[in-house]
Structures are given as C-alpha cells and as structure tokens.
Amino acid sequence: VANAIEPAVLQNCIFCHQSDEAGH
C-alpha cells in the first residue's frame, strides 16, 4: 500500500524474513 502511494519508500526497507504464510 505504502509503495503504491509513494514508491520511493522501498529504498529504505530491509526485509527481515520470509514468512511461512502462503503468498509472502
């Protein structure tokens, strides 16, 4: 949602883990 509103947010993001929930 945040990325759709303001795409530049992605450059500050560290993705900490891959969830076991389907889809992640």
PDBML (XML) file of the C-alpha atoms, coordinates in Angstrom:
<?xml version="1.0" encoding="UTF-8" ?>
<PDBx:datablock datablockName="MODEL"
   xmlns:PDBx="http://pdbml.pdb.org/schema/pdbx-v50.xsd"
   xmlns:xsi="http://www.w3.org/2001/XMLSchema-instance"
   xsi:schemaLocation="http://pdbml.pdb.org/schema/pdbx-v50.xsd pdbx-v50.xsd">
   <PDBx:atom_siteCategory>
      <PDBx:atom_site id="1">
         <PDBx:B_iso_or_equiv>0.00</PDBx:B_iso_or_equiv>
         <PDBx:Cartn_x>0.000</PDBx:Cartn_x>
         <PDBx:Cartn_y>0.000</PDBx:Cartn_y>
         <PDBx:Cartn_z>0.000</PDBx:Cartn_z>
         <PDBx:auth_asym_id>A</PDBx:auth_asym_id>
         <PDBx:auth_atom_id>CA</PDBx:auth_atom_id>
         <PDBx:auth_comp_id>VAL</PDBx:auth_comp_id>
         <PDBx:auth_seq_id>1</PDBx:auth_seq_id>
         <PDBx:group_PDB>ATOM</PDBx:group_PDB>
         <PDBx:label_alt_id xsi:nil="true" />
         <PDBx:label_asym_id>A</PDBx:label_asym_id>
         <PDBx:label_atom_id>CA</PDBx:label_atom_id>
         <PDBx:label_comp_id>VAL</PDBx:label_comp_id>
         <PDBx:label_entity_id>1</PDBx:label_entity_id>
         <PDBx:label_seq_id>1</PDBx:label_seq_id>
         <PDBx:occupancy>1.00</PDBx:occupancy>
         <PDBx:pdbx_PDB_model_num>1</PDBx:pdbx_PDB_model_num>
         <PDBx:type_symbol>C</PDBx:type_symbol>
      </PDBx:atom_site>
      <PDBx:atom_site id="2">
         <PDBx:B_iso_or_equiv>0.00</PDBx:B_iso_or_equiv>
         <PDBx:Cartn_x>2.736</PDBx:Cartn_x>
         <PDBx:Cartn_y>2.448</PDBx:Cartn_y>
         <PDBx:Cartn_z>1.018</PDBx:Cartn_z>
         <PDBx:auth_asym_id>A</PDBx:auth_asym_id>
         <PDBx:auth_atom_id>CA</PDBx:auth_atom_id>
         <PDBx:auth_comp_id>ALA</PDBx:auth_comp_id>
         <PDBx:auth_seq_id>2</PDBx:auth_seq_id>
         <PDBx:group_PDB>ATOM</PDBx:group_PDB>
         <PDBx:label_alt_id xsi:nil="true" />
         <PDBx:label_asym_id>A</PDBx:label_asym_id>
         <PDBx:label_atom_id>CA</PDBx:label_atom_id>
         <PDBx:label_comp_id>ALA</PDBx:label_comp_id>
         <PDBx:label_entity_id>1</PDBx:label_entity_id>
         <PDBx:label_seq_id>2</PDBx:label_seq_id>
         <PDBx:occupancy>1.00</PDBx:occupancy>
         <PDBx:pdbx_PDB_model_num>1</PDBx:pdbx_PDB_model_num>
         <PDBx:type_symbol>C</PDBx:type_symbol>
      </PDBx:atom_site>
      <PDBx:atom_site id="3">
         <PDBx:B_iso_or_equiv>0.00</PDBx:B_iso_or_equiv>
         <PDBx:Cartn_x>4.700</PDBx:Cartn_x>
         <PDBx:Cartn_y>1.658</PDBx:Cartn_y>
         <PDBx:Cartn_z>-2.129</PDBx:Cartn_z>
         <PDBx:auth_asym_id>A</PDBx:auth_asym_id>
         <PDBx:auth_atom_id>CA</PDBx:auth_atom_id>
         <PDBx:auth_comp_id>ASN</PDBx:auth_comp_id>
         <PDBx:auth_seq_id>3</PDBx:auth_seq_id>
         <PDBx:group_PDB>ATOM</PDBx:group_PDB>
         <PDBx:label_alt_id xsi:nil="true" />
         <PDBx:label_asym_id>A</PDBx:label_asym_id>
         <PDBx:label_atom_id>CA</PDBx:label_atom_id>
         <PDBx:label_comp_id>ASN</PDBx:label_comp_id>
         <PDBx:label_entity_id>1</PDBx:label_entity_id>
         <PDBx:label_seq_id>3</PDBx:label_seq_id>
         <PDBx:occupancy>1.00</PDBx:occupancy>
         <PDBx:pdbx_PDB_model_num>1</PDBx:pdbx_PDB_model_num>
         <PDBx:type_symbol>C</PDBx:type_symbol>
      </PDBx:atom_site>
      <PDBx:atom_site id="4">
         <PDBx:B_iso_or_equiv>0.00</PDBx:B_iso_or_equiv>
         <PDBx:Cartn_x>1.635</PDBx:Cartn_x>
         <PDBx:Cartn_y>2.289</PDBx:Cartn_y>
         <PDBx:Cartn_z>-4.305</PDBx:Cartn_z>
         <PDBx:auth_asym_id>A</PDBx:auth_asym_id>
         <PDBx:auth_atom_id>CA</PDBx:auth_atom_id>
         <PDBx:auth_comp_id>ALA</PDBx:auth_comp_id>
         <PDBx:auth_seq_id>4</PDBx:auth_seq_id>
         <PDBx:group_PDB>ATOM</PDBx:group_PDB>
         <PDBx:label_alt_id xsi:nil="true" />
         <PDBx:label_asym_id>A</PDBx:label_asym_id>
         <PDBx:label_atom_id>CA</PDBx:label_atom_id>
         <PDBx:label_comp_id>ALA</PDBx:label_comp_id>
         <PDBx:label_entity_id>1</PDBx:label_entity_id>
         <PDBx:label_seq_id>4</PDBx:label_seq_id>
         <PDBx:occupancy>1.00</PDBx:occupancy>
         <PDBx:pdbx_PDB_model_num>1</PDBx:pdbx_PDB_model_num>
         <PDBx:type_symbol>C</PDBx:type_symbol>
      </PDBx:atom_site>
      <PDBx:atom_site id="5">
         <PDBx:B_iso_or_equiv>0.00</PDBx:B_iso_or_equiv>
         <PDBx:Cartn_x>1.207</PDBx:Cartn_x>
         <PDBx:Cartn_y>5.716</PDBx:Cartn_y>
         <PDBx:Cartn_z>-2.712</PDBx:Cartn_z>
         <PDBx:auth_asym_id>A</PDBx:auth_asym_id>
         <PDBx:auth_atom_id>CA</PDBx:auth_atom_id>
         <PDBx:auth_comp_id>ILE</PDBx:auth_comp_id>
         <PDBx:auth_seq_id>5</PDBx:auth_seq_id>
         <PDBx:group_PDB>ATOM</PDBx:group_PDB>
         <PDBx:label_alt_id xsi:nil="true" />
         <PDBx:label_asym_id>A</PDBx:label_asym_id>
         <PDBx:label_atom_id>CA</PDBx:label_atom_id>
         <PDBx:label_comp_id>ILE</PDBx:label_comp_id>
         <PDBx:label_entity_id>1</PDBx:label_entity_id>
         <PDBx:label_seq_id>5</PDBx:label_seq_id>
         <PDBx:occupancy>1.00</PDBx:occupancy>
         <PDBx:pdbx_PDB_model_num>1</PDBx:pdbx_PDB_model_num>
         <PDBx:type_symbol>C</PDBx:type_symbol>
      </PDBx:atom_site>
      <PDBx:atom_site id="6">
         <PDBx:B_iso_or_equiv>0.00</PDBx:B_iso_or_equiv>
         <PDBx:Cartn_x>4.907</PDBx:Cartn_x>
         <PDBx:Cartn_y>6.603</PDBx:Cartn_y>
         <PDBx:Cartn_z>-2.514</PDBx:Cartn_z>
         <PDBx:auth_asym_id>A</PDBx:auth_asym_id>
         <PDBx:auth_atom_id>CA</PDBx:auth_atom_id>
         <PDBx:auth_comp_id>GLU</PDBx:auth_comp_id>
         <PDBx:auth_seq_id>6</PDBx:auth_seq_id>
         <PDBx:group_PDB>ATOM</PDBx:group_PDB>
         <PDBx:label_alt_id xsi:nil="true" />
         <PDBx:label_asym_id>A</PDBx:label_asym_id>
         <PDBx:label_atom_id>CA</PDBx:label_atom_id>
         <PDBx:label_comp_id>GLU</PDBx:label_comp_id>
         <PDBx:label_entity_id>1</PDBx:label_entity_id>
         <PDBx:label_seq_id>6</PDBx:label_seq_id>
         <PDBx:occupancy>1.00</PDBx:occupancy>
         <PDBx:pdbx_PDB_model_num>1</PDBx:pdbx_PDB_model_num>
         <PDBx:type_symbol>C</PDBx:type_symbol>
      </PDBx:atom_site>
      <PDBx:atom_site id="7">
         <PDBx:B_iso_or_equiv>0.00</PDBx:B_iso_or_equiv>
         <PDBx:Cartn_x>7.228</PDBx:Cartn_x>
         <PDBx:Cartn_y>4.219</PDBx:Cartn_y>
         <PDBx:Cartn_z>-4.440</PDBx:Cartn_z>
         <PDBx:auth_asym_id>A</PDBx:auth_asym_id>
         <PDBx:auth_atom_id>CA</PDBx:auth_atom_id>
         <PDBx:auth_comp_id>PRO</PDBx:auth_comp_id>
         <PDBx:auth_seq_id>7</PDBx:auth_seq_id>
         <PDBx:group_PDB>ATOM</PDBx:group_PDB>
         <PDBx:label_alt_id xsi:nil="true" />
         <PDBx:label_asym_id>A</PDBx:label_asym_id>
         <PDBx:label_atom_id>CA</PDBx:label_atom_id>
         <PDBx:label_comp_id>PRO</PDBx:label_comp_id>
         <PDBx:label_entity_id>1</PDBx:label_entity_id>
         <PDBx:label_seq_id>7</PDBx:label_seq_id>
         <PDBx:occupancy>1.00</PDBx:occupancy>
         <PDBx:pdbx_PDB_model_num>1</PDBx:pdbx_PDB_model_num>
         <PDBx:type_symbol>C</PDBx:type_symbol>
      </PDBx:atom_site>
      <PDBx:atom_site id="8">
         <PDBx:B_iso_or_equiv>0.00</PDBx:B_iso_or_equiv>
         <PDBx:Cartn_x>10.417</PDBx:Cartn_x>
         <PDBx:Cartn_y>5.757</PDBx:Cartn_y>
         <PDBx:Cartn_z>-3.019</PDBx:Cartn_z>
         <PDBx:auth_asym_id>A</PDBx:auth_asym_id>
         <PDBx:auth_atom_id>CA</PDBx:auth_atom_id>
         <PDBx:auth_comp_id>ALA</PDBx:auth_comp_id>
         <PDBx:auth_seq_id>8</PDBx:auth_seq_id>
         <PDBx:group_PDB>ATOM</PDBx:group_PDB>
         <PDBx:label_alt_id xsi:nil="true" />
         <PDBx:label_asym_id>A</PDBx:label_asym_id>
         <PDBx:label_atom_id>CA</PDBx:label_atom_id>
         <PDBx:label_comp_id>ALA</PDBx:label_comp_id>
         <PDBx:label_entity_id>1</PDBx:label_entity_id>
         <PDBx:label_seq_id>8</PDBx:label_seq_id>
         <PDBx:occupancy>1.00</PDBx:occupancy>
         <PDBx:pdbx_PDB_model_num>1</PDBx:pdbx_PDB_model_num>
         <PDBx:type_symbol>C</PDBx:type_symbol>
      </PDBx:atom_site>
      <PDBx:atom_site id="9">
         <PDBx:B_iso_or_equiv>0.00</PDBx:B_iso_or_equiv>
         <PDBx:Cartn_x>9.643</PDBx:Cartn_x>
         <PDBx:Cartn_y>4.150</PDBx:Cartn_y>
         <PDBx:Cartn_z>0.359</PDBx:Cartn_z>
         <PDBx:auth_asym_id>A</PDBx:auth_asym_id>
         <PDBx:auth_atom_id>CA</PDBx:auth_atom_id>
         <PDBx:auth_comp_id>VAL</PDBx:auth_comp_id>
         <PDBx:auth_seq_id>9</PDBx:auth_seq_id>
         <PDBx:group_PDB>ATOM</PDBx:group_PDB>
         <PDBx:label_alt_id xsi:nil="true" />
         <PDBx:label_asym_id>A</PDBx:label_asym_id>
         <PDBx:label_atom_id>CA</PDBx:label_atom_id>
         <PDBx:label_comp_id>VAL</PDBx:label_comp_id>
         <PDBx:label_entity_id>1</PDBx:label_entity_id>
         <PDBx:label_seq_id>9</PDBx:label_seq_id>
         <PDBx:occupancy>1.00</PDBx:occupancy>
         <PDBx:pdbx_PDB_model_num>1</PDBx:pdbx_PDB_model_num>
         <PDBx:type_symbol>C</PDBx:type_symbol>
      </PDBx:atom_site>
      <PDBx:atom_site id="10">
         <PDBx:B_iso_or_equiv>0.00</PDBx:B_iso_or_equiv>
         <PDBx:Cartn_x>11.112</PDBx:Cartn_x>
         <PDBx:Cartn_y>0.875</PDBx:Cartn_y>
         <PDBx:Cartn_z>-0.895</PDBx:Cartn_z>
         <PDBx:auth_asym_id>A</PDBx:auth_asym_id>
         <PDBx:auth_atom_id>CA</PDBx:auth_atom_id>
         <PDBx:auth_comp_id>LEU</PDBx:auth_comp_id>
         <PDBx:auth_seq_id>10</PDBx:auth_seq_id>
         <PDBx:group_PDB>ATOM</PDBx:group_PDB>
         <PDBx:label_alt_id xsi:nil="true" />
         <PDBx:label_asym_id>A</PDBx:label_asym_id>
         <PDBx:label_atom_id>CA</PDBx:label_atom_id>
         <PDBx:label_comp_id>LEU</PDBx:label_comp_id>
         <PDBx:label_entity_id>1</PDBx:label_entity_id>
         <PDBx:label_seq_id>10</PDBx:label_seq_id>
         <PDBx:occupancy>1.00</PDBx:occupancy>
         <PDBx:pdbx_PDB_model_num>1</PDBx:pdbx_PDB_model_num>
         <PDBx:type_symbol>C</PDBx:type_symbol>
      </PDBx:atom_site>
      <PDBx:atom_site id="11">
         <PDBx:B_iso_or_equiv>0.00</PDBx:B_iso_or_equiv>
         <PDBx:Cartn_x>14.705</PDBx:Cartn_x>
         <PDBx:Cartn_y>2.132</PDBx:Cartn_y>
         <PDBx:Cartn_z>-0.891</PDBx:Cartn_z>
         <PDBx:auth_asym_id>A</PDBx:auth_asym_id>
         <PDBx:auth_atom_id>CA</PDBx:auth_atom_id>
         <PDBx:auth_comp_id>GLN</PDBx:auth_comp_id>
         <PDBx:auth_seq_id>11</PDBx:auth_seq_id>
         <PDBx:group_PDB>ATOM</PDBx:group_PDB>
         <PDBx:label_alt_id xsi:nil="true" />
         <PDBx:label_asym_id>A</PDBx:label_asym_id>
         <PDBx:label_atom_id>CA</PDBx:label_atom_id>
         <PDBx:label_comp_id>GLN</PDBx:label_comp_id>
         <PDBx:label_entity_id>1</PDBx:label_entity_id>
         <PDBx:label_seq_id>11</PDBx:label_seq_id>
         <PDBx:occupancy>1.00</PDBx:occupancy>
         <PDBx:pdbx_PDB_model_num>1</PDBx:pdbx_PDB_model_num>
         <PDBx:type_symbol>C</PDBx:type_symbol>
      </PDBx:atom_site>
      <PDBx:atom_site id="12">
         <PDBx:B_iso_or_equiv>0.00</PDBx:B_iso_or_equiv>
         <PDBx:Cartn_x>14.661</PDBx:Cartn_x>
         <PDBx:Cartn_y>2.460</PDBx:Cartn_y>
         <PDBx:Cartn_z>2.909</PDBx:Cartn_z>
         <PDBx:auth_asym_id>A</PDBx:auth_asym_id>
         <PDBx:auth_atom_id>CA</PDBx:auth_atom_id>
         <PDBx:auth_comp_id>ASN</PDBx:auth_comp_id>
         <PDBx:auth_seq_id>12</PDBx:auth_seq_id>
         <PDBx:group_PDB>ATOM</PDBx:group_PDB>
         <PDBx:label_alt_id xsi:nil="true" />
         <PDBx:label_asym_id>A</PDBx:label_asym_id>
         <PDBx:label_atom_id>CA</PDBx:label_atom_id>
         <PDBx:label_comp_id>ASN</PDBx:label_comp_id>
         <PDBx:label_entity_id>1</PDBx:label_entity_id>
         <PDBx:label_seq_id>12</PDBx:label_seq_id>
         <PDBx:occupancy>1.00</PDBx:occupancy>
         <PDBx:pdbx_PDB_model_num>1</PDBx:pdbx_PDB_model_num>
         <PDBx:type_symbol>C</PDBx:type_symbol>
      </PDBx:atom_site>
      <PDBx:atom_site id="13">
         <PDBx:B_iso_or_equiv>0.00</PDBx:B_iso_or_equiv>
         <PDBx:Cartn_x>13.311</PDBx:Cartn_x>
         <PDBx:Cartn_y>-1.048</PDBx:Cartn_y>
         <PDBx:Cartn_z>3.541</PDBx:Cartn_z>
         <PDBx:auth_asym_id>A</PDBx:auth_asym_id>
         <PDBx:auth_atom_id>CA</PDBx:auth_atom_id>
         <PDBx:auth_comp_id>CYS</PDBx:auth_comp_id>
         <PDBx:auth_seq_id>13</PDBx:auth_seq_id>
         <PDBx:group_PDB>ATOM</PDBx:group_PDB>
         <PDBx:label_alt_id xsi:nil="true" />
         <PDBx:label_asym_id>A</PDBx:label_asym_id>
         <PDBx:label_atom_id>CA</PDBx:label_atom_id>
         <PDBx:label_comp_id>CYS</PDBx:label_comp_id>
         <PDBx:label_entity_id>1</PDBx:label_entity_id>
         <PDBx:label_seq_id>13</PDBx:label_seq_id>
         <PDBx:occupancy>1.00</PDBx:occupancy>
         <PDBx:pdbx_PDB_model_num>1</PDBx:pdbx_PDB_model_num>
         <PDBx:type_symbol>C</PDBx:type_symbol>
      </PDBx:atom_site>
      <PDBx:atom_site id="14">
         <PDBx:B_iso_or_equiv>0.00</PDBx:B_iso_or_equiv>
         <PDBx:Cartn_x>15.238</PDBx:Cartn_x>
         <PDBx:Cartn_y>-4.034</PDBx:Cartn_y>
         <PDBx:Cartn_z>4.881</PDBx:Cartn_z>
         <PDBx:auth_asym_id>A</PDBx:auth_asym_id>
         <PDBx:auth_atom_id>CA</PDBx:auth_atom_id>
         <PDBx:auth_comp_id>ILE</PDBx:auth_comp_id>
         <PDBx:auth_seq_id>14</PDBx:auth_seq_id>
         <PDBx:group_PDB>ATOM</PDBx:group_PDB>
         <PDBx:label_alt_id xsi:nil="true" />
         <PDBx:label_asym_id>A</PDBx:label_asym_id>
         <PDBx:label_atom_id>CA</PDBx:label_atom_id>
         <PDBx:label_comp_id>ILE</PDBx:label_comp_id>
         <PDBx:label_entity_id>1</PDBx:label_entity_id>
         <PDBx:label_seq_id>14</PDBx:label_seq_id>
         <PDBx:occupancy>1.00</PDBx:occupancy>
         <PDBx:pdbx_PDB_model_num>1</PDBx:pdbx_PDB_model_num>
         <PDBx:type_symbol>C</PDBx:type_symbol>
      </PDBx:atom_site>
      <PDBx:atom_site id="15">
         <PDBx:B_iso_or_equiv>0.00</PDBx:B_iso_or_equiv>
         <PDBx:Cartn_x>13.221</PDBx:Cartn_x>
         <PDBx:Cartn_y>-7.227</PDBx:Cartn_y>
         <PDBx:Cartn_z>4.503</PDBx:Cartn_z>
         <PDBx:auth_asym_id>A</PDBx:auth_asym_id>
         <PDBx:auth_atom_id>CA</PDBx:auth_atom_id>
         <PDBx:auth_comp_id>PHE</PDBx:auth_comp_id>
         <PDBx:auth_seq_id>15</PDBx:auth_seq_id>
         <PDBx:group_PDB>ATOM</PDBx:group_PDB>
         <PDBx:label_alt_id xsi:nil="true" />
         <PDBx:label_asym_id>A</PDBx:label_asym_id>
         <PDBx:label_atom_id>CA</PDBx:label_atom_id>
         <PDBx:label_comp_id>PHE</PDBx:label_comp_id>
         <PDBx:label_entity_id>1</PDBx:label_entity_id>
         <PDBx:label_seq_id>15</PDBx:label_seq_id>
         <PDBx:occupancy>1.00</PDBx:occupancy>
         <PDBx:pdbx_PDB_model_num>1</PDBx:pdbx_PDB_model_num>
         <PDBx:type_symbol>C</PDBx:type_symbol>
      </PDBx:atom_site>
      <PDBx:atom_site id="16">
         <PDBx:B_iso_or_equiv>0.00</PDBx:B_iso_or_equiv>
         <PDBx:Cartn_x>13.873</PDBx:Cartn_x>
         <PDBx:Cartn_y>-9.195</PDBx:Cartn_y>
         <PDBx:Cartn_z>7.633</PDBx:Cartn_z>
         <PDBx:auth_asym_id>A</PDBx:auth_asym_id>
         <PDBx:auth_atom_id>CA</PDBx:auth_atom_id>
         <PDBx:auth_comp_id>CYS</PDBx:auth_comp_id>
         <PDBx:auth_seq_id>16</PDBx:auth_seq_id>
         <PDBx:group_PDB>ATOM</PDBx:group_PDB>
         <PDBx:label_alt_id xsi:nil="true" />
         <PDBx:label_asym_id>A</PDBx:label_asym_id>
         <PDBx:label_atom_id>CA</PDBx:label_atom_id>
         <PDBx:label_comp_id>CYS</PDBx:label_comp_id>
         <PDBx:label_entity_id>1</PDBx:label_entity_id>
         <PDBx:label_seq_id>16</PDBx:label_seq_id>
         <PDBx:occupancy>1.00</PDBx:occupancy>
         <PDBx:pdbx_PDB_model_num>1</PDBx:pdbx_PDB_model_num>
         <PDBx:type_symbol>C</PDBx:type_symbol>
      </PDBx:atom_site>
      <PDBx:atom_site id="17">
         <PDBx:B_iso_or_equiv>0.00</PDBx:B_iso_or_equiv>
         <PDBx:Cartn_x>12.448</PDBx:Cartn_x>
         <PDBx:Cartn_y>-12.619</PDBx:Cartn_y>
         <PDBx:Cartn_z>6.871</PDBx:Cartn_z>
         <PDBx:auth_asym_id>A</PDBx:auth_asym_id>
         <PDBx:auth_atom_id>CA</PDBx:auth_atom_id>
         <PDBx:auth_comp_id>HIS</PDBx:auth_comp_id>
         <PDBx:auth_seq_id>17</PDBx:auth_seq_id>
         <PDBx:group_PDB>ATOM</PDBx:group_PDB>
         <PDBx:label_alt_id xsi:nil="true" />
         <PDBx:label_asym_id>A</PDBx:label_asym_id>
         <PDBx:label_atom_id>CA</PDBx:label_atom_id>
         <PDBx:label_comp_id>HIS</PDBx:label_comp_id>
         <PDBx:label_entity_id>1</PDBx:label_entity_id>
         <PDBx:label_seq_id>17</PDBx:label_seq_id>
         <PDBx:occupancy>1.00</PDBx:occupancy>
         <PDBx:pdbx_PDB_model_num>1</PDBx:pdbx_PDB_model_num>
         <PDBx:type_symbol>C</PDBx:type_symbol>
      </PDBx:atom_site>
      <PDBx:atom_site id="18">
         <PDBx:B_iso_or_equiv>0.00</PDBx:B_iso_or_equiv>
         <PDBx:Cartn_x>10.316</PDBx:Cartn_x>
         <PDBx:Cartn_y>-14.709</PDBx:Cartn_y>
         <PDBx:Cartn_z>4.551</PDBx:Cartn_z>
         <PDBx:auth_asym_id>A</PDBx:auth_asym_id>
         <PDBx:auth_atom_id>CA</PDBx:auth_atom_id>
         <PDBx:auth_comp_id>GLN</PDBx:auth_comp_id>
         <PDBx:auth_seq_id>18</PDBx:auth_seq_id>
         <PDBx:group_PDB>ATOM</PDBx:group_PDB>
         <PDBx:label_alt_id xsi:nil="true" />
         <PDBx:label_asym_id>A</PDBx:label_asym_id>
         <PDBx:label_atom_id>CA</PDBx:label_atom_id>
         <PDBx:label_comp_id>GLN</PDBx:label_comp_id>
         <PDBx:label_entity_id>1</PDBx:label_entity_id>
         <PDBx:label_seq_id>18</PDBx:label_seq_id>
         <PDBx:occupancy>1.00</PDBx:occupancy>
         <PDBx:pdbx_PDB_model_num>1</PDBx:pdbx_PDB_model_num>
         <PDBx:type_symbol>C</PDBx:type_symbol>
      </PDBx:atom_site>
      <PDBx:atom_site id="19">
         <PDBx:B_iso_or_equiv>0.00</PDBx:B_iso_or_equiv>
         <PDBx:Cartn_x>7.113</PDBx:Cartn_x>
         <PDBx:Cartn_y>-15.703</PDBx:Cartn_y>
         <PDBx:Cartn_z>6.282</PDBx:Cartn_z>
         <PDBx:auth_asym_id>A</PDBx:auth_asym_id>
         <PDBx:auth_atom_id>CA</PDBx:auth_atom_id>
         <PDBx:auth_comp_id>SER</PDBx:auth_comp_id>
         <PDBx:auth_seq_id>19</PDBx:auth_seq_id>
         <PDBx:group_PDB>ATOM</PDBx:group_PDB>
         <PDBx:label_alt_id xsi:nil="true" />
         <PDBx:label_asym_id>A</PDBx:label_asym_id>
         <PDBx:label_atom_id>CA</PDBx:label_atom_id>
         <PDBx:label_comp_id>SER</PDBx:label_comp_id>
         <PDBx:label_entity_id>1</PDBx:label_entity_id>
         <PDBx:label_seq_id>19</PDBx:label_seq_id>
         <PDBx:occupancy>1.00</PDBx:occupancy>
         <PDBx:pdbx_PDB_model_num>1</PDBx:pdbx_PDB_model_num>
         <PDBx:type_symbol>C</PDBx:type_symbol>
      </PDBx:atom_site>
      <PDBx:atom_site id="20">
         <PDBx:B_iso_or_equiv>0.00</PDBx:B_iso_or_equiv>
         <PDBx:Cartn_x>5.787</PDBx:Cartn_x>
         <PDBx:Cartn_y>-19.246</PDBx:Cartn_y>
         <PDBx:Cartn_z>6.148</PDBx:Cartn_z>
         <PDBx:auth_asym_id>A</PDBx:auth_asym_id>
         <PDBx:auth_atom_id>CA</PDBx:auth_atom_id>
         <PDBx:auth_comp_id>ASP</PDBx:auth_comp_id>
         <PDBx:auth_seq_id>20</PDBx:auth_seq_id>
         <PDBx:group_PDB>ATOM</PDBx:group_PDB>
         <PDBx:label_alt_id xsi:nil="true" />
         <PDBx:label_asym_id>A</PDBx:label_asym_id>
         <PDBx:label_atom_id>CA</PDBx:label_atom_id>
         <PDBx:label_comp_id>ASP</PDBx:label_comp_id>
         <PDBx:label_entity_id>1</PDBx:label_entity_id>
         <PDBx:label_seq_id>20</PDBx:label_seq_id>
         <PDBx:occupancy>1.00</PDBx:occupancy>
         <PDBx:pdbx_PDB_model_num>1</PDBx:pdbx_PDB_model_num>
         <PDBx:type_symbol>C</PDBx:type_symbol>
      </PDBx:atom_site>
      <PDBx:atom_site id="21">
         <PDBx:B_iso_or_equiv>0.00</PDBx:B_iso_or_equiv>
         <PDBx:Cartn_x>2.385</PDBx:Cartn_x>
         <PDBx:Cartn_y>-17.763</PDBx:Cartn_y>
         <PDBx:Cartn_z>5.256</PDBx:Cartn_z>
         <PDBx:auth_asym_id>A</PDBx:auth_asym_id>
         <PDBx:auth_atom_id>CA</PDBx:auth_atom_id>
         <PDBx:auth_comp_id>GLU</PDBx:auth_comp_id>
         <PDBx:auth_seq_id>21</PDBx:auth_seq_id>
         <PDBx:group_PDB>ATOM</PDBx:group_PDB>
         <PDBx:label_alt_id xsi:nil="true" />
         <PDBx:label_asym_id>A</PDBx:label_asym_id>
         <PDBx:label_atom_id>CA</PDBx:label_atom_id>
         <PDBx:label_comp_id>GLU</PDBx:label_comp_id>
         <PDBx:label_entity_id>1</PDBx:label_entity_id>
         <PDBx:label_seq_id>21</PDBx:label_seq_id>
         <PDBx:occupancy>1.00</PDBx:occupancy>
         <PDBx:pdbx_PDB_model_num>1</PDBx:pdbx_PDB_model_num>
         <PDBx:type_symbol>C</PDBx:type_symbol>
      </PDBx:atom_site>
      <PDBx:atom_site id="22">
         <PDBx:B_iso_or_equiv>0.00</PDBx:B_iso_or_equiv>
         <PDBx:Cartn_x>1.402</PDBx:Cartn_x>
         <PDBx:Cartn_y>-18.563</PDBx:Cartn_y>
         <PDBx:Cartn_z>1.682</PDBx:Cartn_z>
         <PDBx:auth_asym_id>A</PDBx:auth_asym_id>
         <PDBx:auth_atom_id>CA</PDBx:auth_atom_id>
         <PDBx:auth_comp_id>ALA</PDBx:auth_comp_id>
         <PDBx:auth_seq_id>22</PDBx:auth_seq_id>
         <PDBx:group_PDB>ATOM</PDBx:group_PDB>
         <PDBx:label_alt_id xsi:nil="true" />
         <PDBx:label_asym_id>A</PDBx:label_asym_id>
         <PDBx:label_atom_id>CA</PDBx:label_atom_id>
         <PDBx:label_comp_id>ALA</PDBx:label_comp_id>
         <PDBx:label_entity_id>1</PDBx:label_entity_id>
         <PDBx:label_seq_id>22</PDBx:label_seq_id>
         <PDBx:occupancy>1.00</PDBx:occupancy>
         <PDBx:pdbx_PDB_model_num>1</PDBx:pdbx_PDB_model_num>
         <PDBx:type_symbol>C</PDBx:type_symbol>
      </PDBx:atom_site>
      <PDBx:atom_site id="23">
         <PDBx:B_iso_or_equiv>0.00</PDBx:B_iso_or_equiv>
         <PDBx:Cartn_x>1.927</PDBx:Cartn_x>
         <PDBx:Cartn_y>-15.607</PDBx:Cartn_y>
         <PDBx:Cartn_z>-0.591</PDBx:Cartn_z>
         <PDBx:auth_asym_id>A</PDBx:auth_asym_id>
         <PDBx:auth_atom_id>CA</PDBx:auth_atom_id>
         <PDBx:auth_comp_id>GLY</PDBx:auth_comp_id>
         <PDBx:auth_seq_id>23</PDBx:auth_seq_id>
         <PDBx:group_PDB>ATOM</PDBx:group_PDB>
         <PDBx:label_alt_id xsi:nil="true" />
         <PDBx:label_asym_id>A</PDBx:label_asym_id>
         <PDBx:label_atom_id>CA</PDBx:label_atom_id>
         <PDBx:label_comp_id>GLY</PDBx:label_comp_id>
         <PDBx:label_entity_id>1</PDBx:label_entity_id>
         <PDBx:label_seq_id>23</PDBx:label_seq_id>
         <PDBx:occupancy>1.00</PDBx:occupancy>
         <PDBx:pdbx_PDB_model_num>1</PDBx:pdbx_PDB_model_num>
         <PDBx:type_symbol>C</PDBx:type_symbol>
      </PDBx:atom_site>
      <PDBx:atom_site id="24">
         <PDBx:B_iso_or_equiv>0.00</PDBx:B_iso_or_equiv>
         <PDBx:Cartn_x>4.783</PDBx:Cartn_x>
         <PDBx:Cartn_y>-13.871</PDBx:Cartn_y>
         <PDBx:Cartn_z>1.174</PDBx:Cartn_z>
         <PDBx:auth_asym_id>A</PDBx:auth_asym_id>
         <PDBx:auth_atom_id>CA</PDBx:auth_atom_id>
         <PDBx:auth_comp_id>HIS</PDBx:auth_comp_id>
         <PDBx:auth_seq_id>24</PDBx:auth_seq_id>
         <PDBx:group_PDB>ATOM</PDBx:group_PDB>
         <PDBx:label_alt_id xsi:nil="true" />
         <PDBx:label_asym_id>A</PDBx:label_asym_id>
         <PDBx:label_atom_id>CA</PDBx:label_atom_id>
         <PDBx:label_comp_id>HIS</PDBx:label_comp_id>
         <PDBx:label_entity_id>1</PDBx:label_entity_id>
         <PDBx:label_seq_id>24</PDBx:label_seq_id>
         <PDBx:occupancy>1.00</PDBx:occupancy>
         <PDBx:pdbx_PDB_model_num>1</PDBx:pdbx_PDB_model_num>
         <PDBx:type_symbol>C</PDBx:type_symbol>
      </PDBx:atom_site>
   </PDBx:atom_siteCategory>
</PDBx:datablock>
